[in-house]
All heavy atoms as atom14 arrays in JSON, in Angstrom:
{
  "sequence": "FDGIIKKILVWVKGDPVKICVGTAALATCISLDGDGSTTYLVCTS",
  "atom14_mask": [
    [1, 1, 1, 1, 1, 1, 1, 1, 1, 1, 1, 0, 0, 0],
    [1, 1, 1, 1, 1, 1, 1, 1, 0, 0, 0, 0, 0, 0],
    [1, 1, 1, 1, 0, 0, 0, 0, 0, 0, 0, 0, 0, 0],
    [1, 1, 1, 1, 1, 1, 1, 1, 0, 0, 0, 0, 0, 0],
    [1, 1, 1, 1, 1, 1, 1, 1, 0, 0, 0, 0, 0, 0],
    [1, 1, 1, 1, 1, 1, 1, 1, 1, 0, 0, 0, 0, 0],
    [1, 1, 1, 1, 1, 1, 1, 1, 1, 0, 0, 0, 0, 0],
    [1, 1, 1, 1, 1, 1, 1, 1, 0, 0, 0, 0, 0, 0],
    [1, 1, 1, 1, 1, 1, 1, 1, 0, 0, 0, 0, 0, 0],
    [1, 1, 1, 1, 1, 1, 1, 0, 0, 0, 0, 0, 0, 0],
    [1, 1, 1, 1, 1, 1, 1, 1, 1, 1, 1, 1, 1, 1],
    [1, 1, 1, 1, 1, 1, 1, 0, 0, 0, 0, 0, 0, 0],
    [1, 1, 1, 1, 1, 1, 1, 1, 1, 0, 0, 0, 0, 0],
    [1, 1, 1, 1, 0, 0, 0, 0, 0, 0, 0, 0, 0, 0],
    [1, 1, 1, 1, 1, 1, 1, 1, 0, 0, 0, 0, 0, 0],
    [1, 1, 1, 1, 1, 1, 1, 0, 0, 0, 0, 0, 0, 0],
    [1, 1, 1, 1, 1, 1, 1, 0, 0, 0, 0, 0, 0, 0],
    [1, 1, 1, 1, 1, 1, 1, 1, 1, 0, 0, 0, 0, 0],
    [1, 1, 1, 1, 1, 1, 1, 1, 0, 0, 0, 0, 0, 0],
    [1, 1, 1, 1, 1, 1, 0, 0, 0, 0, 0, 0, 0, 0],
    [1, 1, 1, 1, 1, 1, 1, 0, 0, 0, 0, 0, 0, 0],
    [1, 1, 1, 1, 0, 0, 0, 0, 0, 0, 0, 0, 0, 0],
    [1, 1, 1, 1, 1, 1, 1, 0, 0, 0, 0, 0, 0, 0],
    [1, 1, 1, 1, 1, 0, 0, 0, 0, 0, 0, 0, 0, 0],
    [1, 1, 1, 1, 1, 0, 0, 0, 0, 0, 0, 0, 0, 0],
    [1, 1, 1, 1, 1, 1, 1, 1, 0, 0, 0, 0, 0, 0],
    [1, 1, 1, 1, 1, 0, 0, 0, 0, 0, 0, 0, 0, 0],
    [1, 1, 1, 1, 1, 1, 1, 0, 0, 0, 0, 0, 0, 0],
    [1, 1, 1, 1, 1, 1, 0, 0, 0, 0, 0, 0, 0, 0],
    [1, 1, 1, 1, 1, 1, 1, 1, 0, 0, 0, 0, 0, 0],
    [1, 1, 1, 1, 1, 1, 0, 0, 0, 0, 0, 0, 0, 0],
    [1, 1, 1, 1, 1, 1, 1, 1, 0, 0, 0, 0, 0, 0],
    [1, 1, 1, 1, 1, 1, 1, 1, 0, 0, 0, 0, 0, 0],
    [1, 1, 1, 1, 0, 0, 0, 0, 0, 0, 0, 0, 0, 0],
    [1, 1, 1, 1, 1, 1, 1, 1, 0, 0, 0, 0, 0, 0],
    [1, 1, 1, 1, 0, 0, 0, 0, 0, 0, 0, 0, 0, 0],
    [1, 1, 1, 1, 1, 1, 0, 0, 0, 0, 0, 0, 0, 0],
    [1, 1, 1, 1, 1, 1, 1, 0, 0, 0, 0, 0, 0, 0],
    [1, 1, 1, 1, 1, 1, 1, 0, 0, 0, 0, 0, 0, 0],
    [1, 1, 1, 1, 1, 1, 1, 1, 1, 1, 1, 1, 0, 0],
    [1, 1, 1, 1, 1, 1, 1, 1, 0, 0, 0, 0, 0, 0],
    [1, 1, 1, 1, 1, 1, 1, 0, 0, 0, 0, 0, 0, 0],
    [1, 1, 1, 1, 1, 1, 0, 0, 0, 0, 0, 0, 0, 0],
    [1, 1, 1, 1, 1, 1, 1, 0, 0, 0, 0, 0, 0, 0],
    [1, 1, 1, 1, 1, 1, 0, 0, 0, 0, 0, 0, 0, 0]
  ],
  "atom14_positions": [
    [[0.79, -1.23, 0.01], [0.0, 0.0, 0.0], [0.81, 1.29, -0.01], [0.28, 2.36, -0.18], [-0.95, 0.04, 1.21], [-2.03, -1.02, 1.13], [-2.03, -2.09, 2.01], [-3.07, -0.89, 0.24], [-2.98, -3.06, 1.97], [-4.07, -1.84, 0.19], [-4.04, -2.96, 1.07], [0.0, 0.0, 0.0], [0.0, 0.0, 0.0], [0.0, 0.0, 0.0]],
    [[2.13, 1.14, 0.23], [2.95, 2.32, 0.42], [2.89, 3.27, -0.77], [2.74, 4.5, -0.7], [4.39, 1.98, 0.71], [4.57, 1.57, 2.16], [3.55, 1.3, 2.82], [5.72, 1.54, 2.64], [0.0, 0.0, 0.0], [0.0, 0.0, 0.0], [0.0, 0.0, 0.0], [0.0, 0.0, 0.0], [0.0, 0.0, 0.0], [0.0, 0.0, 0.0]],
    [[3.06, 2.72, -1.99], [3.07, 3.53, -3.24], [1.75, 4.22, -3.38], [1.66, 5.39, -3.79], [0.0, 0.0, 0.0], [0.0, 0.0, 0.0], [0.0, 0.0, 0.0], [0.0, 0.0, 0.0], [0.0, 0.0, 0.0], [0.0, 0.0, 0.0], [0.0, 0.0, 0.0], [0.0, 0.0, 0.0], [0.0, 0.0, 0.0], [0.0, 0.0, 0.0]],
    [[0.64, 3.47, -3.18], [-0.7, 4.02, -3.34], [-0.91, 5.18, -2.35], [-1.39, 6.26, -2.67], [-1.78, 2.96, -3.1], [-1.59, 1.85, -4.17], [-3.17, 3.57, -3.14], [-2.46, 0.66, -3.91], [0.0, 0.0, 0.0], [0.0, 0.0, 0.0], [0.0, 0.0, 0.0], [0.0, 0.0, 0.0], [0.0, 0.0, 0.0], [0.0, 0.0, 0.0]],
    [[-0.47, 4.96, -1.07], [-0.64, 5.97, -0.03], [0.13, 7.24, -0.35], [-0.39, 8.33, -0.21], [-0.22, 5.36, 1.32], [-1.2, 4.3, 1.79], [-0.13, 6.48, 2.41], [-0.73, 3.47, 2.95], [0.0, 0.0, 0.0], [0.0, 0.0, 0.0], [0.0, 0.0, 0.0], [0.0, 0.0, 0.0], [0.0, 0.0, 0.0], [0.0, 0.0, 0.0]],
    [[1.36, 7.06, -0.86], [2.16, 8.24, -1.19], [1.48, 9.07, -2.31], [1.46, 10.29, -2.23], [3.55, 7.79, -1.64], [4.39, 7.24, -0.49], [5.69, 6.68, -1.03], [6.51, 6.05, 0.1], [7.77, 5.43, -0.42], [0.0, 0.0, 0.0], [0.0, 0.0, 0.0], [0.0, 0.0, 0.0], [0.0, 0.0, 0.0], [0.0, 0.0, 0.0]],
    [[0.97, 8.36, -3.32], [0.28, 9.11, -4.43], [-0.95, 9.82, -3.94], [-1.24, 10.95, -4.33], [-0.05, 8.12, -5.53], [1.14, 7.61, -6.3], [0.73, 6.72, -7.45], [1.98, 6.13, -8.14], [2.85, 7.13, -8.72], [0.0, 0.0, 0.0], [0.0, 0.0, 0.0], [0.0, 0.0, 0.0], [0.0, 0.0, 0.0], [0.0, 0.0, 0.0]],
    [[-1.72, 9.16, -3.07], [-2.92, 9.82, -2.55], [-2.58, 10.98, -1.65], [-3.23, 12.07, -1.74], [-3.77, 8.8, -1.74], [-4.29, 7.69, -2.65], [-4.92, 9.45, -0.98], [-5.05, 6.58, -1.93], [0.0, 0.0, 0.0], [0.0, 0.0, 0.0], [0.0, 0.0, 0.0], [0.0, 0.0, 0.0], [0.0, 0.0, 0.0], [0.0, 0.0, 0.0]],
    [[-1.55, 10.85, -0.88], [-1.08, 11.94, -0.03], [-0.76, 13.22, -0.83], [-1.09, 14.33, -0.5], [0.14, 11.51, 0.81], [-0.17, 10.74, 2.13], [1.14, 10.17, 2.66], [-0.85, 11.61, 3.15], [0.0, 0.0, 0.0], [0.0, 0.0, 0.0], [0.0, 0.0, 0.0], [0.0, 0.0, 0.0], [0.0, 0.0, 0.0], [0.0, 0.0, 0.0]],
    [[-0.02, 12.97, -1.96], [0.31, 14.08, -2.8], [-0.93, 14.68, -3.49], [-1.13, 15.88, -3.59], [1.34, 13.68, -3.9], [1.59, 14.81, -4.87], [2.68, 13.26, -3.2], [0.0, 0.0, 0.0], [0.0, 0.0, 0.0], [0.0, 0.0, 0.0], [0.0, 0.0, 0.0], [0.0, 0.0, 0.0], [0.0, 0.0, 0.0], [0.0, 0.0, 0.0]],
    [[-1.85, 13.81, -3.97], [-3.02, 14.23, -4.68], [-3.94, 15.09, -3.78], [-4.44, 16.07, -4.26], [-3.79, 13.04, -5.23], [-5.05, 13.41, -5.9], [-5.22, 13.98, -7.13], [-6.38, 13.27, -5.4], [-6.51, 14.19, -7.43], [-7.28, 13.76, -6.36], [-6.92, 12.77, -4.19], [-8.65, 13.79, -6.2], [-8.27, 12.72, -4.01], [-9.14, 13.28, -4.97]],
    [[-4.15, 14.63, -2.56], [-5.09, 15.36, -1.67], [-4.4, 16.55, -1.06], [-5.08, 17.4, -0.45], [-5.64, 14.5, -0.55], [-6.41, 13.26, -1.14], [-4.55, 13.97, 0.38], [0.0, 0.0, 0.0], [0.0, 0.0, 0.0], [0.0, 0.0, 0.0], [0.0, 0.0, 0.0], [0.0, 0.0, 0.0], [0.0, 0.0, 0.0], [0.0, 0.0, 0.0]],
    [[-3.07, 16.65, -1.18], [-2.27, 17.8, -0.66], [-2.51, 18.02, 0.81], [-2.5, 19.14, 1.31], [-2.6, 19.04, -1.44], [-2.3, 18.93, -2.95], [-2.52, 20.2, -3.68], [-2.37, 20.02, -5.15], [-1.05, 19.52, -5.55], [0.0, 0.0, 0.0], [0.0, 0.0, 0.0], [0.0, 0.0, 0.0], [0.0, 0.0, 0.0], [0.0, 0.0, 0.0]],
    [[-2.75, 16.95, 1.55], [-2.88, 17.02, 2.95], [-4.2, 17.72, 3.39], [-4.3, 18.23, 4.53], [0.0, 0.0, 0.0], [0.0, 0.0, 0.0], [0.0, 0.0, 0.0], [0.0, 0.0, 0.0], [0.0, 0.0, 0.0], [0.0, 0.0, 0.0], [0.0, 0.0, 0.0], [0.0, 0.0, 0.0], [0.0, 0.0, 0.0], [0.0, 0.0, 0.0]],
    [[-5.19, 17.86, 2.49], [-6.43, 18.52, 2.81], [-7.4, 17.55, 3.46], [-7.84, 16.58, 2.84], [-7.08, 19.08, 1.51], [-8.26, 19.89, 1.76], [-8.79, 19.92, 2.9], [-8.8, 20.53, 0.79], [0.0, 0.0, 0.0], [0.0, 0.0, 0.0], [0.0, 0.0, 0.0], [0.0, 0.0, 0.0], [0.0, 0.0, 0.0], [0.0, 0.0, 0.0]],
    [[-7.76, 17.77, 4.72], [-8.71, 16.85, 5.4], [-10.04, 16.68, 4.67], [-10.63, 15.57, 4.73], [-8.91, 17.54, 6.76], [-7.67, 18.34, 6.99], [-7.3, 18.84, 5.62], [0.0, 0.0, 0.0], [0.0, 0.0, 0.0], [0.0, 0.0, 0.0], [0.0, 0.0, 0.0], [0.0, 0.0, 0.0], [0.0, 0.0, 0.0], [0.0, 0.0, 0.0]],
    [[-10.51, 17.74, 3.95], [-11.78, 17.61, 3.26], [-11.66, 16.57, 2.16], [-12.49, 15.65, 1.99], [-12.21, 18.95, 2.66], [-13.42, 18.81, 1.78], [-12.52, 19.95, 3.77], [0.0, 0.0, 0.0], [0.0, 0.0, 0.0], [0.0, 0.0, 0.0], [0.0, 0.0, 0.0], [0.0, 0.0, 0.0], [0.0, 0.0, 0.0], [0.0, 0.0, 0.0]],
    [[-10.6, 16.64, 1.34], [-10.38, 15.71, 0.24], [-10.17, 14.28, 0.78], [-10.66, 13.3, 0.21], [-9.2, 16.14, -0.59], [-9.45, 17.4, -1.41], [-8.2, 17.69, -2.28], [-8.43, 18.93, -3.17], [-7.27, 19.27, -3.96], [0.0, 0.0, 0.0], [0.0, 0.0, 0.0], [0.0, 0.0, 0.0], [0.0, 0.0, 0.0], [0.0, 0.0, 0.0]],
    [[-9.5, 14.23, 1.92], [-9.21, 12.88, 2.49], [-10.47, 12.21, 2.98], [-10.73, 11.05, 2.7], [-8.21, 13.01, 3.67], [-6.81, 13.46, 3.14], [-8.06, 11.7, 4.43], [-5.82, 13.82, 4.23], [0.0, 0.0, 0.0], [0.0, 0.0, 0.0], [0.0, 0.0, 0.0], [0.0, 0.0, 0.0], [0.0, 0.0, 0.0], [0.0, 0.0, 0.0]],
    [[-11.33, 13.02, 3.67], [-12.56, 12.45, 4.2], [-13.55, 12.04, 3.02], [-14.17, 11.0, 3.09], [-13.25, 13.44, 5.13], [-12.35, 13.65, 6.69], [0.0, 0.0, 0.0], [0.0, 0.0, 0.0], [0.0, 0.0, 0.0], [0.0, 0.0, 0.0], [0.0, 0.0, 0.0], [0.0, 0.0, 0.0], [0.0, 0.0, 0.0], [0.0, 0.0, 0.0]],
    [[-13.67, 12.92, 2.05], [-14.53, 12.59, 0.89], [-13.93, 11.39, 0.13], [-14.71, 10.54, -0.3], [-14.7, 13.81, -0.01], [-15.44, 13.46, -1.28], [-15.43, 14.95, 0.73], [0.0, 0.0, 0.0], [0.0, 0.0, 0.0], [0.0, 0.0, 0.0], [0.0, 0.0, 0.0], [0.0, 0.0, 0.0], [0.0, 0.0, 0.0], [0.0, 0.0, 0.0]],
    [[-12.64, 11.36, 0.02], [-12.0, 10.2, -0.67], [-12.27, 8.89, 0.11], [-12.43, 7.85, -0.48], [0.0, 0.0, 0.0], [0.0, 0.0, 0.0], [0.0, 0.0, 0.0], [0.0, 0.0, 0.0], [0.0, 0.0, 0.0], [0.0, 0.0, 0.0], [0.0, 0.0, 0.0], [0.0, 0.0, 0.0], [0.0, 0.0, 0.0], [0.0, 0.0, 0.0]],
    [[-12.3, 9.0, 1.44], [-12.63, 7.83, 2.25], [-14.04, 7.33, 1.97], [-14.23, 6.12, 1.83], [-12.47, 8.24, 3.78], [-11.17, 8.62, 4.03], [-12.86, 7.06, 4.64], [0.0, 0.0, 0.0], [0.0, 0.0, 0.0], [0.0, 0.0, 0.0], [0.0, 0.0, 0.0], [0.0, 0.0, 0.0], [0.0, 0.0, 0.0], [0.0, 0.0, 0.0]],
    [[-14.98, 8.26, 1.86], [-16.35, 7.87, 1.52], [-16.44, 7.23, 0.15], [-17.18, 6.26, -0.08], [-17.28, 9.1, 1.59], [0.0, 0.0, 0.0], [0.0, 0.0, 0.0], [0.0, 0.0, 0.0], [0.0, 0.0, 0.0], [0.0, 0.0, 0.0], [0.0, 0.0, 0.0], [0.0, 0.0, 0.0], [0.0, 0.0, 0.0], [0.0, 0.0, 0.0]],
    [[-15.63, 7.78, -0.81], [-15.67, 7.26, -2.17], [-15.14, 5.84, -2.2], [-15.7, 4.94, -2.82], [-14.87, 8.14, -3.08], [0.0, 0.0, 0.0], [0.0, 0.0, 0.0], [0.0, 0.0, 0.0], [0.0, 0.0, 0.0], [0.0, 0.0, 0.0], [0.0, 0.0, 0.0], [0.0, 0.0, 0.0], [0.0, 0.0, 0.0], [0.0, 0.0, 0.0]],
    [[-14.01, 5.63, -1.48], [-13.41, 4.28, -1.47], [-14.37, 3.29, -0.76], [-14.53, 2.17, -1.24], [-12.07, 4.3, -0.76], [-11.32, 2.95, -0.62], [-11.0, 2.43, -2.02], [-10.09, 3.09, 0.2], [0.0, 0.0, 0.0], [0.0, 0.0, 0.0], [0.0, 0.0, 0.0], [0.0, 0.0, 0.0], [0.0, 0.0, 0.0], [0.0, 0.0, 0.0]],
    [[-14.99, 3.72, 0.32], [-15.89, 2.83, 1.08], [-17.09, 2.49, 0.16], [-17.59, 1.31, 0.21], [-16.42, 3.53, 2.3], [0.0, 0.0, 0.0], [0.0, 0.0, 0.0], [0.0, 0.0, 0.0], [0.0, 0.0, 0.0], [0.0, 0.0, 0.0], [0.0, 0.0, 0.0], [0.0, 0.0, 0.0], [0.0, 0.0, 0.0], [0.0, 0.0, 0.0]],
    [[-17.6, 3.42, -0.66], [-18.66, 3.13, -1.58], [-18.28, 2.0, -2.57], [-19.06, 1.08, -2.79], [-19.06, 4.38, -2.37], [-19.44, 5.41, -1.46], [-20.27, 4.07, -3.29], [0.0, 0.0, 0.0], [0.0, 0.0, 0.0], [0.0, 0.0, 0.0], [0.0, 0.0, 0.0], [0.0, 0.0, 0.0], [0.0, 0.0, 0.0], [0.0, 0.0, 0.0]],
    [[-17.07, 2.13, -3.12], [-16.64, 1.14, -4.11], [-16.44, -0.22, -3.47], [-16.92, -1.28, -3.98], [-15.34, 1.59, -4.77], [-15.5, 3.13, -5.71], [0.0, 0.0, 0.0], [0.0, 0.0, 0.0], [0.0, 0.0, 0.0], [0.0, 0.0, 0.0], [0.0, 0.0, 0.0], [0.0, 0.0, 0.0], [0.0, 0.0, 0.0], [0.0, 0.0, 0.0]],
    [[-15.73, -0.25, -2.38], [-15.42, -1.54, -1.71], [-16.68, -2.19, -1.15], [-16.79, -3.4, -1.15], [-14.39, -1.38, -0.59], [-13.12, -0.71, -1.16], [-14.0, -2.7, -0.01], [-12.42, -1.48, -2.26], [0.0, 0.0, 0.0], [0.0, 0.0, 0.0], [0.0, 0.0, 0.0], [0.0, 0.0, 0.0], [0.0, 0.0, 0.0], [0.0, 0.0, 0.0]],
    [[-17.63, -1.4, -0.72], [-18.83, -1.94, -0.11], [-19.74, -2.63, -1.14], [-20.7, -3.31, -0.79], [-19.67, -0.81, 0.55], [-19.03, -0.32, 1.67], [0.0, 0.0, 0.0], [0.0, 0.0, 0.0], [0.0, 0.0, 0.0], [0.0, 0.0, 0.0], [0.0, 0.0, 0.0], [0.0, 0.0, 0.0], [0.0, 0.0, 0.0], [0.0, 0.0, 0.0]],
    [[-19.43, -2.5, -2.41], [-20.23, -3.14, -3.43], [-20.21, -4.69, -3.31], [-21.06, -5.35, -3.86], [-19.76, -2.8, -4.83], [-20.07, -1.32, -5.31], [-19.33, -0.98, -6.57], [-21.61, -1.16, -5.45], [0.0, 0.0, 0.0], [0.0, 0.0, 0.0], [0.0, 0.0, 0.0], [0.0, 0.0, 0.0], [0.0, 0.0, 0.0], [0.0, 0.0, 0.0]],
    [[-19.22, -5.24, -2.64], [-19.21, -6.68, -2.49], [-20.15, -7.18, -1.39], [-20.36, -8.36, -1.23], [-17.77, -7.16, -2.17], [-17.32, -6.89, -0.77], [-17.91, -6.04, -0.11], [-16.4, -7.57, -0.29], [0.0, 0.0, 0.0], [0.0, 0.0, 0.0], [0.0, 0.0, 0.0], [0.0, 0.0, 0.0], [0.0, 0.0, 0.0], [0.0, 0.0, 0.0]],
    [[-20.75, -6.2, -0.66], [-21.77, -6.56, 0.33], [-21.21, -7.1, 1.63], [-21.97, -7.49, 2.57], [0.0, 0.0, 0.0], [0.0, 0.0, 0.0], [0.0, 0.0, 0.0], [0.0, 0.0, 0.0], [0.0, 0.0, 0.0], [0.0, 0.0, 0.0], [0.0, 0.0, 0.0], [0.0, 0.0, 0.0], [0.0, 0.0, 0.0], [0.0, 0.0, 0.0]],
    [[-19.89, -7.16, 1.79], [-19.28, -7.73, 2.99], [-18.58, -6.6, 3.81], [-17.64, -6.02, 3.36], [-18.24, -8.81, 2.64], [-17.57, -9.39, 3.88], [-18.31, -9.62, 4.85], [-16.37, -9.62, 3.79], [0.0, 0.0, 0.0], [0.0, 0.0, 0.0], [0.0, 0.0, 0.0], [0.0, 0.0, 0.0], [0.0, 0.0, 0.0], [0.0, 0.0, 0.0]],
    [[-19.15, -6.33, 4.95], [-18.63, -5.28, 5.8], [-17.18, -5.5, 6.24], [-16.39, -4.56, 6.25], [0.0, 0.0, 0.0], [0.0, 0.0, 0.0], [0.0, 0.0, 0.0], [0.0, 0.0, 0.0], [0.0, 0.0, 0.0], [0.0, 0.0, 0.0], [0.0, 0.0, 0.0], [0.0, 0.0, 0.0], [0.0, 0.0, 0.0], [0.0, 0.0, 0.0]],
    [[-16.85, -6.72, 6.55], [-15.47, -7.02, 7.01], [-14.46, -6.68, 5.94], [-13.39, -6.11, 6.21], [-15.37, -8.51, 7.38], [-16.29, -8.86, 8.39], [0.0, 0.0, 0.0], [0.0, 0.0, 0.0], [0.0, 0.0, 0.0], [0.0, 0.0, 0.0], [0.0, 0.0, 0.0], [0.0, 0.0, 0.0], [0.0, 0.0, 0.0], [0.0, 0.0, 0.0]],
    [[-14.74, -7.04, 4.68], [-13.82, -6.71, 3.59], [-13.66, -5.24, 3.47], [-12.55, -4.68, 3.32], [-14.3, -7.3, 2.28], [-14.44, -8.73, 2.41], [-13.32, -6.99, 1.14], [0.0, 0.0, 0.0], [0.0, 0.0, 0.0], [0.0, 0.0, 0.0], [0.0, 0.0, 0.0], [0.0, 0.0, 0.0], [0.0, 0.0, 0.0], [0.0, 0.0, 0.0]],
    [[-14.76, -4.48, 3.54], [-14.73, -3.01, 3.43], [-13.88, -2.4, 4.52], [-13.05, -1.54, 4.26], [-16.16, -2.45, 3.48], [-16.97, -2.99, 2.48], [-16.16, -0.97, 3.37], [0.0, 0.0, 0.0], [0.0, 0.0, 0.0], [0.0, 0.0, 0.0], [0.0, 0.0, 0.0], [0.0, 0.0, 0.0], [0.0, 0.0, 0.0], [0.0, 0.0, 0.0]],
    [[-14.04, -2.89, 5.73], [-13.3, -2.33, 6.84], [-11.82, -2.64, 6.71], [-10.99, -1.78, 6.96], [-13.82, -2.93, 8.17], [-15.29, -2.65, 8.46], [-16.02, -3.46, 9.28], [-15.93, -1.57, 7.89], [-17.34, -3.18, 9.53], [-17.25, -1.28, 8.14], [-17.97, -2.11, 8.95], [-19.29, -1.85, 9.19], [0.0, 0.0, 0.0], [0.0, 0.0, 0.0]],
    [[-11.46, -3.85, 6.28], [-10.09, -4.23, 6.13], [-9.39, -3.44, 5.05], [-8.32, -2.88, 5.28], [-10.02, -5.74, 5.84], [-10.23, -6.7, 6.98], [-10.52, -8.07, 6.46], [-9.0, -6.73, 7.87], [0.0, 0.0, 0.0], [0.0, 0.0, 0.0], [0.0, 0.0, 0.0], [0.0, 0.0, 0.0], [0.0, 0.0, 0.0], [0.0, 0.0, 0.0]],
    [[-10.01, -3.33, 3.88], [-9.38, -2.63, 2.77], [-9.28, -1.15, 3.02], [-8.24, -0.52, 2.86], [-10.16, -2.89, 1.47], [-9.65, -2.05, 0.34], [-10.14, -4.37, 1.1], [0.0, 0.0, 0.0], [0.0, 0.0, 0.0], [0.0, 0.0, 0.0], [0.0, 0.0, 0.0], [0.0, 0.0, 0.0], [0.0, 0.0, 0.0], [0.0, 0.0, 0.0]],
    [[-10.38, -0.49, 3.47], [-10.39, 0.94, 3.71], [-9.45, 1.33, 4.8], [-8.7, 2.33, 4.69], [-11.8, 1.44, 4.02], [-12.93, 1.35, 2.61], [0.0, 0.0, 0.0], [0.0, 0.0, 0.0], [0.0, 0.0, 0.0], [0.0, 0.0, 0.0], [0.0, 0.0, 0.0], [0.0, 0.0, 0.0], [0.0, 0.0, 0.0], [0.0, 0.0, 0.0]],
    [[-9.44, 0.58, 5.93], [-8.55, 0.92, 7.0], [-7.09, 0.73, 6.58], [-6.25, 1.6, 6.86], [-8.87, 0.1, 8.27], [-10.25, 0.32, 8.61], [-7.97, 0.46, 9.39], [0.0, 0.0, 0.0], [0.0, 0.0, 0.0], [0.0, 0.0, 0.0], [0.0, 0.0, 0.0], [0.0, 0.0, 0.0], [0.0, 0.0, 0.0], [0.0, 0.0, 0.0]],
    [[-6.78, -0.41, 5.94], [-5.41, -0.66, 5.54], [-4.89, 0.43, 4.6], [-3.77, 0.85, 4.71], [-5.31, -2.03, 4.85], [-5.72, -3.04, 5.72], [0.0, 0.0, 0.0], [0.0, 0.0, 0.0], [0.0, 0.0, 0.0], [0.0, 0.0, 0.0], [0.0, 0.0, 0.0], [0.0, 0.0, 0.0], [0.0, 0.0, 0.0], [0.0, 0.0, 0.0]]
  ]
}
């Protein structure tokens, strides 16, 4: 995840608004599998 995290950090420019909205966007995509545990694991990681 390190490379992904670094790119996201640069993209959001450390803006809490973009980070929080991005969190919601990722949760929406991952939640499509219908399994809460998977969503929590992927989004948190």
